[in-house]
Amino acid sequence: MPTTITICRTCRYDRTCDAPVRDGMRFLKRVEDEIAADPDANGVHLRAMRCMACCDKACAAQIAADGKMTYVFFGLDAEQNAADLVAFARSHERSADGVVPFGERPEAIKKKIGTRIAPLTDAAPAVETTWDDHDENA
């Protein structure tokens, strides 16, 4: 199953700027160019969406695949983080569960991961909790 990078195409670094080409679109183009130039990125797909609802943390992107962890990134820079995002996506694509070990994450984007989300598939391991698992004083 391919790994997909989704980029917010409407992101703007400066929300008062009304430039005809938004920062998100520039980032999308840079990532597209990086994927095209990387022969190891043939299992990485790219798509755009209108808004990822994190306007105060532009630019935003997501890396996901069926049955794997999803990573959401904030504060990405079109000029500095495109290659790193593609490298992360390649690691995600090679991983059976989508977990990219901390040591394999490109340094420039390690701190730009906003969240990691568990997969919502039947193949995902179930997490069972009971009342006994919870400390009511915690």
N, C-alpha and C. Protein backbone atom coordinates (compact mmCIF):
# COMPACT_ATOMS: atom_id res chain seq x y z
N MET A 1 0.85 -1.18 0.00
CA MET A 1 0.00 0.00 0.00
C MET A 1 0.89 1.24 0.00
N PRO A 2 0.64 2.16 -0.92
CA PRO A 2 1.49 3.36 -1.00
C PRO A 2 1.28 4.30 0.19
N THR A 3 2.31 5.05 0.46
CA THR A 3 2.22 6.12 1.45
C THR A 3 1.85 7.40 0.72
N THR A 4 0.94 8.16 1.29
CA THR A 4 0.48 9.40 0.66
C THR A 4 0.83 10.60 1.52
N ILE A 5 1.42 11.58 0.89
CA ILE A 5 1.65 12.88 1.52
C ILE A 5 0.50 13.78 1.11
N THR A 6 -0.18 14.36 2.08
CA THR A 6 -1.24 15.32 1.82
C THR A 6 -0.75 16.67 2.33
N ILE A 7 -0.85 17.67 1.47
CA ILE A 7 -0.39 19.02 1.83
C ILE A 7 -1.56 19.99 1.75
N CYS A 8 -1.63 20.86 2.74
CA CYS A 8 -2.64 21.91 2.73
C CYS A 8 -2.25 22.95 1.68
N ARG A 9 -3.04 23.04 0.63
CA ARG A 9 -2.70 23.95 -0.47
C ARG A 9 -3.08 25.41 -0.19
N THR A 10 -3.85 25.64 0.87
CA THR A 10 -4.27 27.01 1.18
C THR A 10 -3.47 27.65 2.30
N CYS A 11 -2.47 26.94 2.83
CA CYS A 11 -1.65 27.50 3.91
C CYS A 11 -0.95 28.79 3.48
N ARG A 12 -0.84 29.71 4.45
CA ARG A 12 -0.10 30.96 4.26
C ARG A 12 0.73 31.20 5.51
N TYR A 13 1.97 31.61 5.34
CA TYR A 13 2.79 31.96 6.50
C TYR A 13 2.29 33.26 7.12
N ASP A 14 1.89 34.18 6.27
CA ASP A 14 1.37 35.48 6.72
C ASP A 14 -0.09 35.54 6.30
N ARG A 15 -0.98 35.45 7.26
CA ARG A 15 -2.41 35.39 6.95
C ARG A 15 -2.95 36.69 6.38
N THR A 16 -2.19 37.78 6.47
CA THR A 16 -2.65 39.04 5.89
C THR A 16 -2.24 39.15 4.42
N CYS A 17 -1.35 38.28 3.98
CA CYS A 17 -0.86 38.30 2.60
C CYS A 17 -1.90 37.66 1.68
N ASP A 18 -2.21 38.31 0.58
CA ASP A 18 -3.19 37.78 -0.35
C ASP A 18 -2.53 37.49 -1.71
N ALA A 19 -1.34 36.91 -1.66
CA ALA A 19 -0.60 36.58 -2.89
C ALA A 19 -1.40 35.59 -3.72
N PRO A 20 -1.29 35.65 -5.05
CA PRO A 20 -2.07 34.76 -5.91
C PRO A 20 -1.67 33.29 -5.75
N VAL A 21 -0.42 33.02 -5.40
CA VAL A 21 0.03 31.64 -5.15
C VAL A 21 0.34 31.51 -3.67
N ARG A 22 -0.44 30.69 -3.01
CA ARG A 22 -0.27 30.52 -1.57
C ARG A 22 0.98 29.69 -1.26
N ASP A 23 1.47 29.84 -0.03
CA ASP A 23 2.65 29.10 0.42
C ASP A 23 2.42 27.60 0.35
N GLY A 24 1.21 27.17 0.64
CA GLY A 24 0.89 25.75 0.56
C GLY A 24 1.06 25.19 -0.85
N MET A 25 0.67 25.96 -1.86
CA MET A 25 0.85 25.53 -3.25
C MET A 25 2.32 25.50 -3.63
N ARG A 26 3.09 26.47 -3.14
CA ARG A 26 4.54 26.45 -3.40
C ARG A 26 5.17 25.22 -2.75
N PHE A 27 4.74 24.89 -1.53
CA PHE A 27 5.25 23.72 -0.84
C PHE A 27 4.87 22.44 -1.60
N LEU A 28 3.63 22.38 -2.05
CA LEU A 28 3.16 21.23 -2.83
C LEU A 28 4.04 21.01 -4.06
N LYS A 29 4.35 22.08 -4.77
CA LYS A 29 5.19 21.99 -5.97
C LYS A 29 6.60 21.51 -5.61
N ARG A 30 7.17 22.03 -4.53
CA ARG A 30 8.51 21.60 -4.10
C ARG A 30 8.53 20.11 -3.76
N VAL A 31 7.51 19.65 -3.05
CA VAL A 31 7.43 18.23 -2.69
C VAL A 31 7.24 17.38 -3.95
N GLU A 32 6.40 17.83 -4.85
CA GLU A 32 6.21 17.13 -6.12
C GLU A 32 7.53 17.00 -6.88
N ASP A 33 8.31 18.06 -6.93
CA ASP A 33 9.62 18.02 -7.58
C ASP A 33 10.57 17.05 -6.88
N GLU A 34 10.56 17.04 -5.56
CA GLU A 34 11.41 16.12 -4.80
C GLU A 34 11.04 14.66 -5.07
N ILE A 35 9.76 14.37 -5.12
CA ILE A 35 9.32 13.00 -5.41
C ILE A 35 9.76 12.59 -6.81
N ALA A 36 9.57 13.48 -7.78
CA ALA A 36 9.95 13.18 -9.16
C ALA A 36 11.45 12.95 -9.31
N ALA A 37 12.26 13.63 -8.52
CA ALA A 37 13.72 13.53 -8.62
C ALA A 37 14.29 12.35 -7.82
N ASP A 38 13.48 11.71 -6.99
CA ASP A 38 13.96 10.66 -6.10
C ASP A 38 13.52 9.29 -6.60
N PRO A 39 14.44 8.49 -7.14
CA PRO A 39 14.05 7.17 -7.66
C PRO A 39 13.55 6.22 -6.57
N ASP A 40 13.86 6.49 -5.32
CA ASP A 40 13.39 5.64 -4.21
C ASP A 40 12.01 6.04 -3.71
N ALA A 41 11.42 7.05 -4.30
CA ALA A 41 10.12 7.55 -3.83
C ALA A 41 8.95 7.08 -4.69
N ASN A 42 9.13 5.98 -5.43
CA ASN A 42 8.05 5.53 -6.30
C ASN A 42 6.84 4.99 -5.54
N GLY A 43 6.97 4.67 -4.25
CA GLY A 43 5.84 4.24 -3.44
C GLY A 43 5.21 5.37 -2.66
N VAL A 44 5.58 6.61 -2.99
CA VAL A 44 5.05 7.78 -2.29
C VAL A 44 4.16 8.57 -3.26
N HIS A 45 2.93 8.79 -2.84
CA HIS A 45 1.98 9.56 -3.65
C HIS A 45 1.78 10.92 -3.00
N LEU A 46 1.28 11.86 -3.78
CA LEU A 46 1.08 13.23 -3.31
C LEU A 46 -0.32 13.69 -3.65
N ARG A 47 -0.94 14.40 -2.72
CA ARG A 47 -2.24 15.02 -2.99
C ARG A 47 -2.32 16.31 -2.18
N ALA A 48 -3.28 17.12 -2.55
CA ALA A 48 -3.51 18.39 -1.86
C ALA A 48 -4.94 18.42 -1.34
N MET A 49 -5.12 19.19 -0.29
CA MET A 49 -6.49 19.44 0.17
C MET A 49 -6.63 20.93 0.45
N ARG A 50 -7.85 21.39 0.50
CA ARG A 50 -8.11 22.82 0.61
C ARG A 50 -7.67 23.41 1.93
N CYS A 51 -7.95 22.77 3.05
CA CYS A 51 -7.58 23.35 4.34
C CYS A 51 -7.45 22.24 5.36
N MET A 52 -6.37 22.27 6.13
CA MET A 52 -6.16 21.28 7.19
C MET A 52 -6.49 21.87 8.56
N ALA A 53 -7.06 23.07 8.58
CA ALA A 53 -7.56 23.71 9.80
C ALA A 53 -6.48 23.93 10.86
N CYS A 54 -5.33 24.34 10.43
CA CYS A 54 -4.26 24.70 11.38
C CYS A 54 -3.55 25.95 10.87
N CYS A 55 -4.34 26.95 10.57
CA CYS A 55 -3.86 28.17 9.92
C CYS A 55 -2.77 28.91 10.69
N ASP A 56 -2.74 28.76 11.98
CA ASP A 56 -1.71 29.45 12.77
C ASP A 56 -0.40 28.67 12.81
N LYS A 57 -0.34 27.51 12.12
CA LYS A 57 0.86 26.67 12.12
C LYS A 57 1.27 26.26 10.71
N ALA A 58 1.13 27.15 9.75
CA ALA A 58 1.44 26.83 8.35
C ALA A 58 2.93 26.59 8.16
N CYS A 59 3.23 25.81 7.20
CA CYS A 59 2.46 24.93 6.33
C CYS A 59 2.27 23.57 7.00
N ALA A 60 1.16 22.94 6.64
CA ALA A 60 0.80 21.67 7.25
C ALA A 60 0.81 20.55 6.22
N ALA A 61 1.13 19.34 6.69
CA ALA A 61 1.13 18.16 5.83
C ALA A 61 0.81 16.94 6.68
N GLN A 62 0.41 15.89 5.99
CA GLN A 62 0.09 14.62 6.64
C GLN A 62 0.75 13.51 5.84
N ILE A 63 1.25 12.49 6.52
CA ILE A 63 1.78 11.30 5.86
C ILE A 63 0.97 10.13 6.39
N ALA A 64 0.36 9.35 5.47
CA ALA A 64 -0.54 8.28 5.88
C ALA A 64 -0.55 7.15 4.85
N ALA A 65 -1.00 5.99 5.30
CA ALA A 65 -1.25 4.84 4.44
C ALA A 65 -2.22 3.93 5.18
N ASP A 66 -2.99 3.15 4.43
CA ASP A 66 -3.94 2.23 5.04
C ASP A 66 -3.23 1.28 5.99
N GLY A 67 -3.78 1.14 7.19
CA GLY A 67 -3.26 0.21 8.17
C GLY A 67 -1.97 0.64 8.85
N LYS A 68 -1.57 1.90 8.65
CA LYS A 68 -0.33 2.40 9.24
C LYS A 68 -0.59 3.66 10.07
N MET A 69 0.38 3.99 10.91
CA MET A 69 0.32 5.24 11.66
C MET A 69 0.25 6.42 10.69
N THR A 70 -0.44 7.46 11.11
CA THR A 70 -0.50 8.71 10.36
C THR A 70 0.26 9.76 11.15
N TYR A 71 1.04 10.56 10.45
CA TYR A 71 1.79 11.66 11.07
C TYR A 71 1.28 12.97 10.50
N VAL A 72 1.07 13.95 11.37
CA VAL A 72 0.66 15.28 10.95
C VAL A 72 1.77 16.25 11.34
N PHE A 73 2.19 17.06 10.37
CA PHE A 73 3.29 18.00 10.55
C PHE A 73 2.77 19.43 10.48
N PHE A 74 3.38 20.31 11.28
CA PHE A 74 3.04 21.73 11.28
C PHE A 74 4.32 22.55 11.13
N GLY A 75 4.18 23.77 10.65
CA GLY A 75 5.31 24.70 10.59
C GLY A 75 6.36 24.33 9.56
N LEU A 76 5.94 23.66 8.50
CA LEU A 76 6.89 23.26 7.46
C LEU A 76 7.19 24.43 6.53
N ASP A 77 8.42 24.47 6.05
CA ASP A 77 8.88 25.54 5.17
C ASP A 77 9.07 24.97 3.76
N ALA A 78 8.49 25.63 2.77
CA ALA A 78 8.55 25.15 1.39
C ALA A 78 9.97 25.00 0.89
N GLU A 79 10.84 25.90 1.26
CA GLU A 79 12.22 25.87 0.77
C GLU A 79 13.10 24.90 1.55
N GLN A 80 12.84 24.72 2.83
CA GLN A 80 13.76 23.95 3.67
C GLN A 80 13.31 22.54 4.01
N ASN A 81 12.02 22.21 3.89
CA ASN A 81 11.54 20.93 4.41
C ASN A 81 10.98 19.95 3.39
N ALA A 82 10.94 20.30 2.12
CA ALA A 82 10.36 19.41 1.11
C ALA A 82 11.11 18.09 1.02
N ALA A 83 12.43 18.14 0.88
CA ALA A 83 13.21 16.90 0.76
C ALA A 83 13.10 16.05 2.02
N ASP A 84 13.09 16.69 3.19
CA ASP A 84 12.98 15.96 4.45
C ASP A 84 11.63 15.28 4.58
N LEU A 85 10.57 15.94 4.13
CA LEU A 85 9.24 15.34 4.20
C LEU A 85 9.17 14.11 3.30
N VAL A 86 9.76 14.18 2.12
CA VAL A 86 9.78 13.03 1.21
C VAL A 86 10.62 11.89 1.82
N ALA A 87 11.74 12.21 2.44
CA ALA A 87 12.57 11.19 3.09
C ALA A 87 11.78 10.50 4.20
N PHE A 88 11.04 11.28 4.99
CA PHE A 88 10.20 10.70 6.05
C PHE A 88 9.15 9.78 5.44
N ALA A 89 8.53 10.22 4.34
CA ALA A 89 7.50 9.42 3.67
C ALA A 89 8.08 8.11 3.14
N ARG A 90 9.30 8.13 2.65
CA ARG A 90 9.96 6.90 2.19
C ARG A 90 10.14 5.93 3.36
N SER A 91 10.56 6.43 4.51
CA SER A 91 10.72 5.58 5.70
C SER A 91 9.37 5.02 6.14
N HIS A 92 8.35 5.84 6.09
CA HIS A 92 6.99 5.42 6.44
C HIS A 92 6.52 4.31 5.50
N GLU A 93 6.79 4.48 4.23
CA GLU A 93 6.36 3.51 3.21
C GLU A 93 7.05 2.16 3.43
N ARG A 94 8.31 2.17 3.82
CA ARG A 94 9.07 0.93 4.06
C ARG A 94 8.67 0.23 5.36
N SER A 95 8.11 0.95 6.29
CA SER A 95 7.74 0.41 7.60
C SER A 95 6.42 -0.37 7.51
N ALA A 96 6.39 -1.54 8.12
CA ALA A 96 5.19 -2.37 8.09
C ALA A 96 4.01 -1.71 8.80
N ASP A 97 4.29 -0.97 9.88
CA ASP A 97 3.20 -0.36 10.66
C ASP A 97 3.16 1.16 10.55
N GLY A 98 4.07 1.72 9.76
CA GLY A 98 4.10 3.17 9.60
C GLY A 98 4.88 3.91 10.67
N VAL A 99 5.42 3.19 11.63
CA VAL A 99 6.20 3.84 12.67
C VAL A 99 7.60 4.14 12.11
N VAL A 100 7.97 5.41 12.16
CA VAL A 100 9.30 5.83 11.72
C VAL A 100 10.10 6.09 13.00
N PRO A 101 11.09 5.25 13.28
CA PRO A 101 11.86 5.43 14.52
C PRO A 101 12.48 6.82 14.60
N PHE A 102 12.57 7.34 15.81
CA PHE A 102 13.07 8.69 16.03
C PHE A 102 14.42 8.91 15.35
N GLY A 103 15.31 7.94 15.42
CA GLY A 103 16.65 8.08 14.84
C GLY A 103 16.66 8.13 13.32
N GLU A 104 15.58 7.67 12.67
CA GLU A 104 15.48 7.69 11.21
C GLU A 104 14.80 8.96 10.68
N ARG A 105 14.25 9.75 11.57
CA ARG A 105 13.53 10.95 11.14
C ARG A 105 14.53 12.04 10.77
N PRO A 106 14.32 12.70 9.63
CA PRO A 106 15.22 13.81 9.28
C PRO A 106 15.22 14.86 10.39
N GLU A 107 16.40 15.28 10.76
CA GLU A 107 16.58 16.20 11.89
C GLU A 107 15.73 17.47 11.77
N ALA A 108 15.65 18.02 10.56
CA ALA A 108 14.96 19.30 10.37
C ALA A 108 13.46 19.24 10.62
N ILE A 109 12.87 18.04 10.58
CA ILE A 109 11.42 17.97 10.79
C ILE A 109 11.03 17.15 12.02
N LYS A 110 11.99 16.67 12.78
CA LYS A 110 11.66 15.90 13.99
C LYS A 110 10.71 16.66 14.92
N LYS A 111 10.97 17.93 15.10
CA LYS A 111 10.16 18.73 16.04
C LYS A 111 8.93 19.36 15.38
N LYS A 112 8.70 19.03 14.11
CA LYS A 112 7.54 19.58 13.40
C LYS A 112 6.37 18.59 13.35
N ILE A 113 6.56 17.43 13.99
CA ILE A 113 5.46 16.47 14.07
C ILE A 113 4.49 16.96 15.13
N GLY A 114 3.28 17.28 14.70
CA GLY A 114 2.27 17.76 15.63
C GLY A 114 1.60 16.63 16.37
N THR A 115 1.37 15.51 15.66
CA THR A 115 0.74 14.36 16.28
C THR A 115 0.96 13.12 15.43
N ARG A 116 0.80 11.98 16.08
CA ARG A 116 0.82 10.69 15.40
C ARG A 116 -0.50 10.03 15.74
N ILE A 117 -1.18 9.49 14.73
CA ILE A 117 -2.52 8.94 14.90
C ILE A 117 -2.52 7.46 14.54
N ALA A 118 -3.11 6.65 15.40
CA ALA A 118 -3.20 5.21 15.16
C ALA A 118 -4.11 4.93 13.97
N PRO A 119 -3.83 3.85 13.24
CA PRO A 119 -4.67 3.51 12.10
C PRO A 119 -6.06 3.06 12.53
N LEU A 120 -7.04 3.33 11.69
CA LEU A 120 -8.42 2.91 11.96
C LEU A 120 -8.82 1.80 11.01
N THR A 121 -8.16 0.67 11.12
CA THR A 121 -8.47 -0.47 10.26
C THR A 121 -8.63 -1.71 11.11
N ASP A 122 -9.27 -2.72 10.53
CA ASP A 122 -9.44 -3.99 11.24
C ASP A 122 -8.10 -4.66 11.49
N ALA A 123 -7.09 -4.34 10.65
CA ALA A 123 -5.78 -4.95 10.80
C ALA A 123 -4.99 -4.35 11.97
N ALA A 124 -5.41 -3.18 12.44
CA ALA A 124 -4.69 -2.52 13.53
C ALA A 124 -4.91 -3.29 14.83
N PRO A 125 -3.86 -3.40 15.64
CA PRO A 125 -4.03 -4.11 16.92
C PRO A 125 -5.02 -3.39 17.82
N ALA A 126 -5.84 -4.16 18.46
CA ALA A 126 -6.84 -3.58 19.36
C ALA A 126 -6.18 -3.19 20.68
N VAL A 127 -6.67 -2.13 21.28
CA VAL A 127 -6.23 -1.70 22.59
C VAL A 127 -7.41 -1.93 23.52
N GLU A 128 -7.21 -2.78 24.48
CA GLU A 128 -8.29 -3.08 25.41
C GLU A 128 -8.03 -2.39 26.74
N THR A 129 -9.06 -1.78 27.27
CA THR A 129 -8.96 -1.19 28.59
C THR A 129 -10.17 -1.63 29.40
N THR A 130 -9.97 -1.74 30.65
CA THR A 130 -11.07 -2.03 31.58
C THR A 130 -10.99 -1.00 32.68
N TRP A 131 -12.02 -0.95 33.47
CA TRP A 131 -12.02 0.01 34.57
C TRP A 131 -10.83 -0.23 35.48
N ASP A 132 -10.41 -1.48 35.62
CA ASP A 132 -9.29 -1.83 36.50
C ASP A 132 -7.98 -1.21 36.00
N ASP A 133 -7.91 -0.85 34.71
CA ASP A 133 -6.70 -0.25 34.15
C ASP A 133 -6.54 1.21 34.55
N HIS A 134 -7.58 1.79 35.10
CA HIS A 134 -7.56 3.22 35.38
C HIS A 134 -7.46 3.49 36.88
N ASP A 135 -6.63 4.41 37.22
CA ASP A 135 -6.47 4.83 38.60
C ASP A 135 -7.36 6.07 38.77
N GLU A 136 -8.39 5.98 39.55
CA GLU A 136 -9.31 7.10 39.69
C GLU A 136 -8.68 8.30 40.37
N ASN A 137 -7.51 8.15 40.96
CA ASN A 137 -6.80 9.28 41.57
C ASN A 137 -5.82 9.95 40.62
N ALA A 138 -5.67 9.38 39.44
CA ALA A 138 -4.68 9.93 38.49
C ALA A 138 -5.19 11.18 37.84
